[in-house]
């Protein structure tokens, strides 16, 4: 997981999203942070996670993989899965 701090790149990405979409400011900041992270780590697959249909749609329109955790099987959302444990070691 990448946490992207609020910085000028995130704010600019959010501003552009506000001009192009119907997202509200907090949603635009969330997606803007994901877009800034994608730009910082070229070639890295960024998956955007949200329960907001509008935010998921906007993320997909920006070319991100987007998932709604409420629609995943319980085994995929459980904390401490084997894949998570392997990634930590």
C-alpha atoms as a PDB file:
ATOM      1  CA  UNK A   1       0.000   0.000   0.000  1.00  0.00           C
ATOM      2  CA  UNK A   2       1.272   3.452  -0.885  1.00  0.00           C
ATOM      3  CA  UNK A   3       0.242   6.444   1.161  1.00  0.00           C
ATOM      4  CA  UNK A   4       0.575   9.622  -0.850  1.00  0.00           C
ATOM      5  CA  UNK A   5       0.872  12.800   1.252  1.00  0.00           C
ATOM      6  CA  UNK A   6      -1.048  15.903   0.346  1.00  0.00           C
ATOM      7  CA  UNK A   7       1.370  17.796  -1.878  1.00  0.00           C
ATOM      8  CA  UNK A   8       1.139  20.172  -4.853  1.00  0.00           C
ATOM      9  CA  UNK A   9       1.003  17.255  -7.323  1.00  0.00           C
ATOM     10  CA  UNK A  10      -1.960  15.702  -5.515  1.00  0.00           C
ATOM     11  CA  UNK A  11      -3.761  19.037  -5.279  1.00  0.00           C
ATOM     12  CA  UNK A  12      -3.226  19.731  -8.983  1.00  0.00           C
ATOM     13  CA  UNK A  13      -4.451  16.255  -9.955  1.00  0.00           C
ATOM     14  CA  UNK A  14      -7.536  16.791  -7.778  1.00  0.00           C
ATOM     15  CA  UNK A  15      -8.180  20.197  -9.346  1.00  0.00           C
ATOM     16  CA  UNK A  16      -8.059  18.683 -12.833  1.00  0.00           C
ATOM     17  CA  UNK A  17     -10.445  15.929 -11.740  1.00  0.00           C
ATOM     18  CA  UNK A  18     -12.866  18.530 -10.371  1.00  0.00           C
ATOM     19  CA  UNK A  19     -12.894  20.215 -13.766  1.00  0.00           C
ATOM     20  CA  UNK A  20     -13.463  16.961 -15.681  1.00  0.00           C
ATOM     21  CA  UNK A  21     -15.738  14.940 -13.395  1.00  0.00           C
ATOM     22  CA  UNK A  22     -18.636  15.256 -10.982  1.00  0.00           C
ATOM     23  CA  UNK A  23     -16.458  14.199  -8.039  1.00  0.00           C
ATOM     24  CA  UNK A  24     -16.562  16.224  -4.849  1.00  0.00           C
ATOM     25  CA  UNK A  25     -13.373  17.708  -3.411  1.00  0.00           C
ATOM     26  CA  UNK A  26     -12.627  14.883  -0.891  1.00  0.00           C
ATOM     27  CA  UNK A  27     -13.142  12.247  -3.595  1.00  0.00           C
ATOM     28  CA  UNK A  28     -10.981  14.177  -6.042  1.00  0.00           C
ATOM     29  CA  UNK A  29      -8.195  14.326  -3.436  1.00  0.00           C
ATOM     30  CA  UNK A  30      -8.352  10.549  -2.927  1.00  0.00           C
ATOM     31  CA  UNK A  31      -8.183   9.823  -6.630  1.00  0.00           C
ATOM     32  CA  UNK A  32      -5.644  12.591  -7.179  1.00  0.00           C
ATOM     33  CA  UNK A  33      -3.350  10.915  -4.651  1.00  0.00           C
ATOM     34  CA  UNK A  34      -3.619   7.621  -6.537  1.00  0.00           C
ATOM     35  CA  UNK A  35      -2.849   9.348  -9.838  1.00  0.00           C
ATOM     36  CA  UNK A  36       0.151  11.122  -8.299  1.00  0.00           C
ATOM     37  CA  UNK A  37       1.404   7.778  -6.947  1.00  0.00           C
ATOM     38  CA  UNK A  38       1.030   6.240 -10.409  1.00  0.00           C
ATOM     39  CA  UNK A  39       3.116   9.068 -11.850  1.00  0.00           C
ATOM     40  CA  UNK A  40       5.764   8.650  -9.141  1.00  0.00           C
ATOM     41  CA  UNK A  41       6.087   4.896  -9.701  1.00  0.00           C
ATOM     42  CA  UNK A  42       5.863   4.317 -13.463  1.00  0.00           C
ATOM     43  CA  UNK A  43       5.299   0.704 -14.378  1.00  0.00           C
ATOM     44  CA  UNK A  44       3.800  -0.087 -10.985  1.00  0.00           C
ATOM     45  CA  UNK A  45       0.264  -1.415 -11.000  1.00  0.00           C
ATOM     46  CA  UNK A  46      -1.935   0.880  -8.897  1.00  0.00           C
ATOM     47  CA  UNK A  47      -5.221  -0.575  -7.647  1.00  0.00           C
ATOM     48  CA  UNK A  48      -7.712   1.972  -6.346  1.00  0.00           C
ATOM     49  CA  UNK A  49     -10.014   0.697  -3.575  1.00  0.00           C
ATOM     50  CA  UNK A  50     -13.284   2.430  -2.753  1.00  0.00           C
ATOM     51  CA  UNK A  51     -16.910   1.667  -1.954  1.00  0.00           C
ATOM     52  CA  UNK A  52     -18.086   4.756  -3.861  1.00  0.00           C
ATOM     53  CA  UNK A  53     -19.489   3.855  -7.301  1.00  0.00           C
ATOM     54  CA  UNK A  54     -18.741   7.340  -8.653  1.00  0.00           C
ATOM     55  CA  UNK A  55     -15.165   7.227  -7.415  1.00  0.00           C
ATOM     56  CA  UNK A  56     -14.627   3.733  -8.814  1.00  0.00           C
ATOM     57  CA  UNK A  57     -15.982   4.832 -12.182  1.00  0.00           C
ATOM     58  CA  UNK A  58     -13.703   7.885 -12.225  1.00  0.00           C
ATOM     59  CA  UNK A  59     -10.681   5.759 -11.251  1.00  0.00           C
ATOM     60  CA  UNK A  60     -11.378   3.327 -14.078  1.00  0.00           C
ATOM     61  CA  UNK A  61     -11.803   6.244 -16.495  1.00  0.00           C
ATOM     62  CA  UNK A  62      -8.290   7.349 -15.465  1.00  0.00           C
ATOM     63  CA  UNK A  63      -6.947   3.912 -16.335  1.00  0.00           C
ATOM     64  CA  UNK A  64      -6.598   2.525 -12.816  1.00  0.00           C
ATOM     65  CA  UNK A  65      -7.662  -0.902 -11.674  1.00  0.00           C
ATOM     66  CA  UNK A  66     -10.489  -0.250  -9.229  1.00  0.00           C
ATOM     67  CA  UNK A  67     -12.194  -2.573  -6.784  1.00  0.00           C
ATOM     68  CA  UNK A  68     -15.027  -2.282  -4.297  1.00  0.00           C
ATOM     69  CA  UNK A  69     -14.036  -4.238  -1.178  1.00  0.00           C
ATOM     70  CA  UNK A  70     -17.690  -4.830  -0.312  1.00  0.00           C
ATOM     71  CA  UNK A  71     -18.038  -6.883  -3.496  1.00  0.00           C
ATOM     72  CA  UNK A  72     -15.049  -9.145  -2.867  1.00  0.00           C
ATOM     73  CA  UNK A  73     -15.402 -12.586  -1.322  1.00  0.00           C
ATOM     74  CA  UNK A  74     -14.661 -12.544   2.406  1.00  0.00           C
ATOM     75  CA  UNK A  75     -11.446 -14.523   1.945  1.00  0.00           C
ATOM     76  CA  UNK A  76      -9.978 -11.778  -0.248  1.00  0.00           C
ATOM     77  CA  UNK A  77     -10.695  -9.011   2.245  1.00  0.00           C
ATOM     78  CA  UNK A  78      -9.587 -10.786   5.421  1.00  0.00           C
ATOM     79  CA  UNK A  79      -6.570  -9.285   7.146  1.00  0.00           C
ATOM     80  CA  UNK A  80      -3.532 -11.453   7.519  1.00  0.00           C
ATOM     81  CA  UNK A  81      -3.993 -13.631   4.445  1.00  0.00           C
ATOM     82  CA  UNK A  82      -1.120 -15.845   3.404  1.00  0.00           C
ATOM     83  CA  UNK A  83      -0.194 -13.451   0.561  1.00  0.00           C
ATOM     84  CA  UNK A  84       0.009 -10.558   3.043  1.00  0.00           C
ATOM     85  CA  UNK A  85       2.203 -12.602   5.387  1.00  0.00           C
ATOM     86  CA  UNK A  86       4.547 -13.566   2.539  1.00  0.00           C
ATOM     87  CA  UNK A  87       4.791  -9.944   1.388  1.00  0.00           C
ATOM     88  CA  UNK A  88       5.801  -8.827   4.876  1.00  0.00           C
ATOM     89  CA  UNK A  89       8.677 -11.314   5.113  1.00  0.00           C
END
